[in-house]
Amino acid sequence: MDEMKQATRRKASFGATMKAVFWSFFGVRKGKDYASDSASLNPVHVIIAGLIGAAVFIGVLVMVVRIAVAQ
């Protein structure tokens, strides 16, 4: 339980978390970047950023399908 409290106190900004999640969607993270991210990112921010990223991804897919079907 104490480890989780320490993890949620990490100091990486939400923007840095969004950047890490964005690159993770493409699967192109470098090993050293992954190691630094795992040490500095707040897990709560990662979950929120992942949900936002998934919603944006689904929204883009829906728009592409609507455009393709309309033509």
PDB file of N, CA and C in Angstrom:
ATOM      1  N   MET A   1       0.829  -1.187   0.000  1.00  0.00           N
ATOM      2  CA  MET A   1       0.000   0.000   0.000  1.00  0.00           C
ATOM      3  C   MET A   1       0.873   1.251   0.000  1.00  0.00           C
ATOM      4  N   ASP A   2       1.975   1.212   0.735  1.00  0.00           N
ATOM      5  CA  ASP A   2       2.869   2.357   0.808  1.00  0.00           C
ATOM      6  C   ASP A   2       3.516   2.632  -0.544  1.00  0.00           C
ATOM      7  N   GLU A   3       3.783   1.574  -1.309  1.00  0.00           N
ATOM      8  CA  GLU A   3       4.379   1.748  -2.641  1.00  0.00           C
ATOM      9  C   GLU A   3       3.423   2.481  -3.572  1.00  0.00           C
ATOM     10  N   MET A   4       2.135   2.214  -3.456  1.00  0.00           N
ATOM     11  CA  MET A   4       1.152   2.885  -4.301  1.00  0.00           C
ATOM     12  C   MET A   4       1.073   4.371  -3.953  1.00  0.00           C
ATOM     13  N   LYS A   5       1.136   4.706  -2.683  1.00  0.00           N
ATOM     14  CA  LYS A   5       1.125   6.112  -2.284  1.00  0.00           C
ATOM     15  C   LYS A   5       2.345   6.836  -2.829  1.00  0.00           C
ATOM     16  N   GLN A   6       3.502   6.173  -2.786  1.00  0.00           N
ATOM     17  CA  GLN A   6       4.720   6.781  -3.330  1.00  0.00           C
ATOM     18  C   GLN A   6       4.614   6.952  -4.836  1.00  0.00           C
ATOM     19  N   ALA A   7       4.030   5.993  -5.517  1.00  0.00           N
ATOM     20  CA  ALA A   7       3.902   6.057  -6.973  1.00  0.00           C
ATOM     21  C   ALA A   7       3.001   7.208  -7.397  1.00  0.00           C
ATOM     22  N   THR A   8       1.954   7.475  -6.632  1.00  0.00           N
ATOM     23  CA  THR A   8       1.040   8.556  -7.006  1.00  0.00           C
ATOM     24  C   THR A   8       1.615   9.928  -6.695  1.00  0.00           C
ATOM     25  N   ARG A   9       2.738   9.996  -6.010  1.00  0.00           N
ATOM     26  CA  ARG A   9       3.384  11.273  -5.707  1.00  0.00           C
ATOM     27  C   ARG A   9       4.496  11.622  -6.697  1.00  0.00           C
ATOM     28  N   ARG A  10       4.646  10.844  -7.744  1.00  0.00           N
ATOM     29  CA  ARG A  10       5.692  11.112  -8.728  1.00  0.00           C
ATOM     30  C   ARG A  10       5.429  12.445  -9.409  1.00  0.00           C
ATOM     31  N   LYS A  11       6.498  13.100  -9.853  1.00  0.00           N
ATOM     32  CA  LYS A  11       6.424  14.492 -10.264  1.00  0.00           C
ATOM     33  C   LYS A  11       6.297  14.754 -11.761  1.00  0.00           C
ATOM     34  N   ALA A  12       6.202  13.754 -12.606  1.00  0.00           N
ATOM     35  CA  ALA A  12       6.092  14.007 -14.044  1.00  0.00           C
ATOM     36  C   ALA A  12       4.787  14.744 -14.342  1.00  0.00           C
ATOM     37  N   SER A  13       4.847  15.682 -15.269  1.00  0.00           N
ATOM     38  CA  SER A  13       3.659  16.460 -15.612  1.00  0.00           C
ATOM     39  C   SER A  13       2.668  15.612 -16.407  1.00  0.00           C
ATOM     40  N   PHE A  14       1.441  16.093 -16.468  1.00  0.00           N
ATOM     41  CA  PHE A  14       0.422  15.366 -17.228  1.00  0.00           C
ATOM     42  C   PHE A  14       0.756  15.401 -18.713  1.00  0.00           C
ATOM     43  N   GLY A  15       1.371  16.483 -19.175  1.00  0.00           N
ATOM     44  CA  GLY A  15       1.793  16.572 -20.575  1.00  0.00           C
ATOM     45  C   GLY A  15       2.828  15.516 -20.921  1.00  0.00           C
ATOM     46  N   ALA A  16       3.781  15.294 -20.014  1.00  0.00           N
ATOM     47  CA  ALA A  16       4.789  14.253 -20.233  1.00  0.00           C
ATOM     48  C   ALA A  16       4.132  12.879 -20.248  1.00  0.00           C
ATOM     49  N   THR A  17       3.123  12.711 -19.421  1.00  0.00           N
ATOM     50  CA  THR A  17       2.394  11.441 -19.402  1.00  0.00           C
ATOM     51  C   THR A  17       1.641  11.237 -20.713  1.00  0.00           C
ATOM     52  N   MET A  18       0.997  12.285 -21.222  1.00  0.00           N
ATOM     53  CA  MET A  18       0.284  12.180 -22.497  1.00  0.00           C
ATOM     54  C   MET A  18       1.250  11.837 -23.628  1.00  0.00           C
ATOM     55  N   LYS A  19       2.427  12.433 -23.600  1.00  0.00           N
ATOM     56  CA  LYS A  19       3.432  12.145 -24.621  1.00  0.00           C
ATOM     57  C   LYS A  19       3.858  10.684 -24.564  1.00  0.00           C
ATOM     58  N   ALA A  20       4.099  10.176 -23.373  1.00  0.00           N
ATOM     59  CA  ALA A  20       4.513   8.782 -23.215  1.00  0.00           C
ATOM     60  C   ALA A  20       3.414   7.829 -23.687  1.00  0.00           C
ATOM     61  N   VAL A  21       2.165   8.146 -23.347  1.00  0.00           N
ATOM     62  CA  VAL A  21       1.049   7.292 -23.768  1.00  0.00           C
ATOM     63  C   VAL A  21       0.864   7.367 -25.276  1.00  0.00           C
ATOM     64  N   PHE A  22       1.017   8.561 -25.862  1.00  0.00           N
ATOM     65  CA  PHE A  22       0.907   8.721 -27.311  1.00  0.00           C
ATOM     66  C   PHE A  22       1.914   7.831 -28.031  1.00  0.00           C
ATOM     67  N   TRP A  23       3.167   7.866 -27.599  1.00  0.00           N
ATOM     68  CA  TRP A  23       4.182   7.030 -28.249  1.00  0.00           C
ATOM     69  C   TRP A  23       3.957   5.555 -27.958  1.00  0.00           C
ATOM     70  N   SER A  24       3.386   5.249 -26.834  1.00  0.00           N
ATOM     71  CA  SER A  24       3.097   3.850 -26.504  1.00  0.00           C
ATOM     72  C   SER A  24       2.013   3.273 -27.412  1.00  0.00           C
ATOM     73  N   PHE A  25       1.078   4.111 -27.853  1.00  0.00           N
ATOM     74  CA  PHE A  25       0.055   3.645 -28.788  1.00  0.00           C
ATOM     75  C   PHE A  25       0.687   3.155 -30.079  1.00  0.00           C
ATOM     76  N   PHE A  26       1.793   3.775 -30.473  1.00  0.00           N
ATOM     77  CA  PHE A  26       2.498   3.362 -31.689  1.00  0.00           C
ATOM     78  C   PHE A  26       3.508   2.253 -31.422  1.00  0.00           C
ATOM     79  N   GLY A  27       3.851   2.038 -30.176  1.00  0.00           N
ATOM     80  CA  GLY A  27       4.787   0.970 -29.821  1.00  0.00           C
ATOM     81  C   GLY A  27       6.229   1.284 -30.180  1.00  0.00           C
ATOM     82  N   VAL A  28       6.608   2.548 -30.122  1.00  0.00           N
ATOM     83  CA  VAL A  28       7.953   2.930 -30.536  1.00  0.00           C
ATOM     84  C   VAL A  28       8.757   3.568 -29.396  1.00  0.00           C
ATOM     85  N   ARG A  29       8.552   3.132 -28.192  1.00  0.00           N
ATOM     86  CA  ARG A  29       9.308   3.680 -27.058  1.00  0.00           C
ATOM     87  C   ARG A  29      10.683   3.044 -26.978  1.00  0.00           C
ATOM     88  N   LYS A  30      11.683   3.854 -26.713  1.00  0.00           N
ATOM     89  CA  LYS A  30      13.031   3.346 -26.511  1.00  0.00           C
ATOM     90  C   LYS A  30      13.140   2.761 -25.112  1.00  0.00           C
ATOM     91  N   GLY A  31      14.065   1.838 -24.930  1.00  0.00           N
ATOM     92  CA  GLY A  31      14.230   1.191 -23.633  1.00  0.00           C
ATOM     93  C   GLY A  31      14.566   2.167 -22.525  1.00  0.00           C
ATOM     94  N   LYS A  32      15.460   3.112 -22.806  1.00  0.00           N
ATOM     95  CA  LYS A  32      15.835   4.074 -21.767  1.00  0.00           C
ATOM     96  C   LYS A  32      14.678   5.018 -21.448  1.00  0.00           C
ATOM     97  N   ASP A  33      13.860   5.370 -22.470  1.00  0.00           N
ATOM     98  CA  ASP A  33      12.700   6.216 -22.221  1.00  0.00           C
ATOM     99  C   ASP A  33      11.665   5.486 -21.375  1.00  0.00           C
ATOM    100  N   TYR A  34      11.467   4.200 -21.663  1.00  0.00           N
ATOM    101  CA  TYR A  34      10.532   3.400 -20.877  1.00  0.00           C
ATOM    102  C   TYR A  34      10.982   3.332 -19.417  1.00  0.00           C
ATOM    103  N   ALA A  35      12.280   3.142 -19.207  1.00  0.00           N
ATOM    104  CA  ALA A  35      12.798   3.056 -17.833  1.00  0.00           C
ATOM    105  C   ALA A  35      12.606   4.371 -17.094  1.00  0.00           C
ATOM    106  N   SER A  36      12.870   5.488 -17.759  1.00  0.00           N
ATOM    107  CA  SER A  36      12.687   6.769 -17.080  1.00  0.00           C
ATOM    108  C   SER A  36      11.208   7.069 -16.852  1.00  0.00           C
ATOM    109  N   ASP A  37      10.358   6.662 -17.807  1.00  0.00           N
ATOM    110  CA  ASP A  37       8.918   6.868 -17.630  1.00  0.00           C
ATOM    111  C   ASP A  37       8.382   6.067 -16.458  1.00  0.00           C
ATOM    112  N   SER A  38       8.796   4.824 -16.356  1.00  0.00           N
ATOM    113  CA  SER A  38       8.285   3.983 -15.271  1.00  0.00           C
ATOM    114  C   SER A  38       8.732   4.485 -13.907  1.00  0.00           C
ATOM    115  N   ALA A  39       9.819   5.230 -13.875  1.00  0.00           N
ATOM    116  CA  ALA A  39      10.294   5.768 -12.602  1.00  0.00           C
ATOM    117  C   ALA A  39       9.670   7.112 -12.266  1.00  0.00           C
ATOM    118  N   SER A  40       9.174   7.848 -13.281  1.00  0.00           N
ATOM    119  CA  SER A  40       8.724   9.208 -13.003  1.00  0.00           C
ATOM    120  C   SER A  40       7.235   9.455 -13.233  1.00  0.00           C
ATOM    121  N   LEU A  41       6.561   8.600 -13.981  1.00  0.00           N
ATOM    122  CA  LEU A  41       5.154   8.860 -14.288  1.00  0.00           C
ATOM    123  C   LEU A  41       4.231   8.426 -13.161  1.00  0.00           C
ATOM    124  N   ASN A  42       3.209   9.213 -12.960  1.00  0.00           N
ATOM    125  CA  ASN A  42       2.185   8.927 -11.960  1.00  0.00           C
ATOM    126  C   ASN A  42       1.201   7.928 -12.573  1.00  0.00           C
ATOM    127  N   PRO A  43       0.972   6.776 -11.944  1.00  0.00           N
ATOM    128  CA  PRO A  43       0.081   5.768 -12.524  1.00  0.00           C
ATOM    129  C   PRO A  43      -1.351   6.260 -12.748  1.00  0.00           C
ATOM    130  N   VAL A  44      -1.824   7.149 -11.912  1.00  0.00           N
ATOM    131  CA  VAL A  44      -3.176   7.694 -12.096  1.00  0.00           C
ATOM    132  C   VAL A  44      -3.213   8.519 -13.381  1.00  0.00           C
ATOM    133  N   HIS A  45      -2.172   9.312 -13.617  1.00  0.00           N
ATOM    134  CA  HIS A  45      -2.096  10.092 -14.848  1.00  0.00           C
ATOM    135  C   HIS A  45      -2.023   9.184 -16.068  1.00  0.00           C
ATOM    136  N   VAL A  46      -1.314   8.071 -15.953  1.00  0.00           N
ATOM    137  CA  VAL A  46      -1.193   7.130 -17.077  1.00  0.00           C
ATOM    138  C   VAL A  46      -2.558   6.543 -17.430  1.00  0.00           C
ATOM    139  N   ILE A  47      -3.337   6.180 -16.434  1.00  0.00           N
ATOM    140  CA  ILE A  47      -4.670   5.619 -16.679  1.00  0.00           C
ATOM    141  C   ILE A  47      -5.568   6.658 -17.347  1.00  0.00           C
ATOM    142  N   ILE A  48      -5.562   7.877 -16.831  1.00  0.00           N
ATOM    143  CA  ILE A  48      -6.386   8.939 -17.406  1.00  0.00           C
ATOM    144  C   ILE A  48      -5.937   9.245 -18.831  1.00  0.00           C
ATOM    145  N   ALA A  49      -4.630   9.348 -19.046  1.00  0.00           N
ATOM    146  CA  ALA A  49      -4.111   9.629 -20.387  1.00  0.00           C
ATOM    147  C   ALA A  49      -4.445   8.493 -21.351  1.00  0.00           C
ATOM    148  N   GLY A  50      -4.400   7.268 -20.884  1.00  0.00           N
ATOM    149  CA  GLY A  50      -4.760   6.127 -21.722  1.00  0.00           C
ATOM    150  C   GLY A  50      -6.216   6.154 -22.134  1.00  0.00           C
ATOM    151  N   LEU A  51      -7.090   6.511 -21.205  1.00  0.00           N
ATOM    152  CA  LEU A  51      -8.513   6.615 -21.531  1.00  0.00           C
ATOM    153  C   LEU A  51      -8.775   7.747 -22.530  1.00  0.00           C
ATOM    154  N   ILE A  52      -8.092   8.873 -22.339  1.00  0.00           N
ATOM    155  CA  ILE A  52      -8.235   9.988 -23.281  1.00  0.00           C
ATOM    156  C   ILE A  52      -7.707   9.576 -24.652  1.00  0.00           C
ATOM    157  N   GLY A  53      -6.546   8.929 -24.680  1.00  0.00           N
ATOM    158  CA  GLY A  53      -5.973   8.480 -25.944  1.00  0.00           C
ATOM    159  C   GLY A  53      -6.869   7.489 -26.658  1.00  0.00           C
ATOM    160  N   ALA A  54      -7.457   6.572 -25.930  1.00  0.00           N
ATOM    161  CA  ALA A  54      -8.364   5.589 -26.530  1.00  0.00           C
ATOM    162  C   ALA A  54      -9.613   6.274 -27.085  1.00  0.00           C
ATOM    163  N   ALA A  55     -10.153   7.249 -26.355  1.00  0.00           N
ATOM    164  CA  ALA A  55     -11.339   7.969 -26.823  1.00  0.00           C
ATOM    165  C   ALA A  55     -11.036   8.751 -28.098  1.00  0.00           C
ATOM    166  N   VAL A  56      -9.874   9.393 -28.152  1.00  0.00           N
ATOM    167  CA  VAL A  56      -9.485  10.133 -29.355  1.00  0.00           C
ATOM    168  C   VAL A  56      -9.291   9.169 -30.519  1.00  0.00           C
ATOM    169  N   PHE A  57      -8.649   8.046 -30.272  1.00  0.00           N
ATOM    170  CA  PHE A  57      -8.416   7.049 -31.311  1.00  0.00           C
ATOM    171  C   PHE A  57      -9.742   6.529 -31.880  1.00  0.00           C
ATOM    172  N   ILE A  58     -10.684   6.208 -31.013  1.00  0.00           N
ATOM    173  CA  ILE A  58     -11.997   5.727 -31.454  1.00  0.00           C
ATOM    174  C   ILE A  58     -12.731   6.821 -32.217  1.00  0.00           C
ATOM    175  N   GLY A  59     -12.651   8.060 -31.739  1.00  0.00           N
ATOM    176  CA  GLY A  59     -13.290   9.167 -32.436  1.00  0.00           C
ATOM    177  C   GLY A  59     -12.743   9.361 -33.841  1.00  0.00           C
ATOM    178  N   VAL A  60     -11.431   9.262 -33.992  1.00  0.00           N
ATOM    179  CA  VAL A  60     -10.816   9.393 -35.321  1.00  0.00           C
ATOM    180  C   VAL A  60     -11.262   8.250 -36.220  1.00  0.00           C
ATOM    181  N   LEU A  61     -11.298   7.037 -35.692  1.00  0.00           N
ATOM    182  CA  LEU A  61     -11.755   5.906 -36.502  1.00  0.00           C
ATOM    183  C   LEU A  61     -13.195   6.081 -36.961  1.00  0.00           C
ATOM    184  N   VAL A  62     -14.060   6.539 -36.088  1.00  0.00           N
ATOM    185  CA  VAL A  62     -15.462   6.748 -36.435  1.00  0.00           C
ATOM    186  C   VAL A  62     -15.579   7.814 -37.526  1.00  0.00           C
ATOM    187  N   MET A  63     -14.810   8.896 -37.415  1.00  0.00           N
ATOM    188  CA  MET A  63     -14.851   9.940 -38.439  1.00  0.00           C
ATOM    189  C   MET A  63     -14.351   9.430 -39.779  1.00  0.00           C
ATOM    190  N   VAL A  64     -13.290   8.642 -39.779  1.00  0.00           N
ATOM    191  CA  VAL A  64     -12.757   8.093 -41.028  1.00  0.00           C
ATOM    192  C   VAL A  64     -13.784   7.173 -41.681  1.00  0.00           C
ATOM    193  N   VAL A  65     -14.428   6.345 -40.888  1.00  0.00           N
ATOM    194  CA  VAL A  65     -15.442   5.431 -41.434  1.00  0.00           C
ATOM    195  C   VAL A  65     -16.623   6.223 -41.997  1.00  0.00           C
ATOM    196  N   ARG A  66     -17.078   7.250 -41.303  1.00  0.00           N
ATOM    197  CA  ARG A  66     -18.194   8.069 -41.796  1.00  0.00           C
ATOM    198  C   ARG A  66     -17.834   8.744 -43.118  1.00  0.00           C
ATOM    199  N   ILE A  67     -16.614   9.237 -43.215  1.00  0.00           N
ATOM    200  CA  ILE A  67     -16.183   9.894 -44.459  1.00  0.00           C
ATOM    201  C   ILE A  67     -16.111   8.866 -45.577  1.00  0.00           C
ATOM    202  N   ALA A  68     -15.574   7.677 -45.288  1.00  0.00           N
ATOM    203  CA  ALA A  68     -15.447   6.637 -46.304  1.00  0.00           C
ATOM    204  C   ALA A  68     -16.811   6.136 -46.775  1.00  0.00           C
ATOM    205  N   VAL A  69     -17.749   6.003 -45.867  1.00  0.00           N
ATOM    206  CA  VAL A  69     -19.079   5.498 -46.214  1.00  0.00           C
ATOM    207  C   VAL A  69     -19.876   6.569 -46.954  1.00  0.00           C
ATOM    208  N   ALA A  70     -19.679   7.827 -46.624  1.00  0.00           N
ATOM    209  CA  ALA A  70     -20.421   8.929 -47.259  1.00  0.00           C
ATOM    210  C   ALA A  70     -20.032   9.101 -48.722  1.00  0.00           C
ATOM    211  N   GLN A  71     -18.842   8.706 -49.075  1.00  0.00           N
ATOM    212  CA  GLN A  71     -18.401   8.892 -50.456  1.00  0.00           C
ATOM    213  C   GLN A  71     -18.780   7.705 -51.218  1.00  0.00           C
TER     214      GLN A  71
END
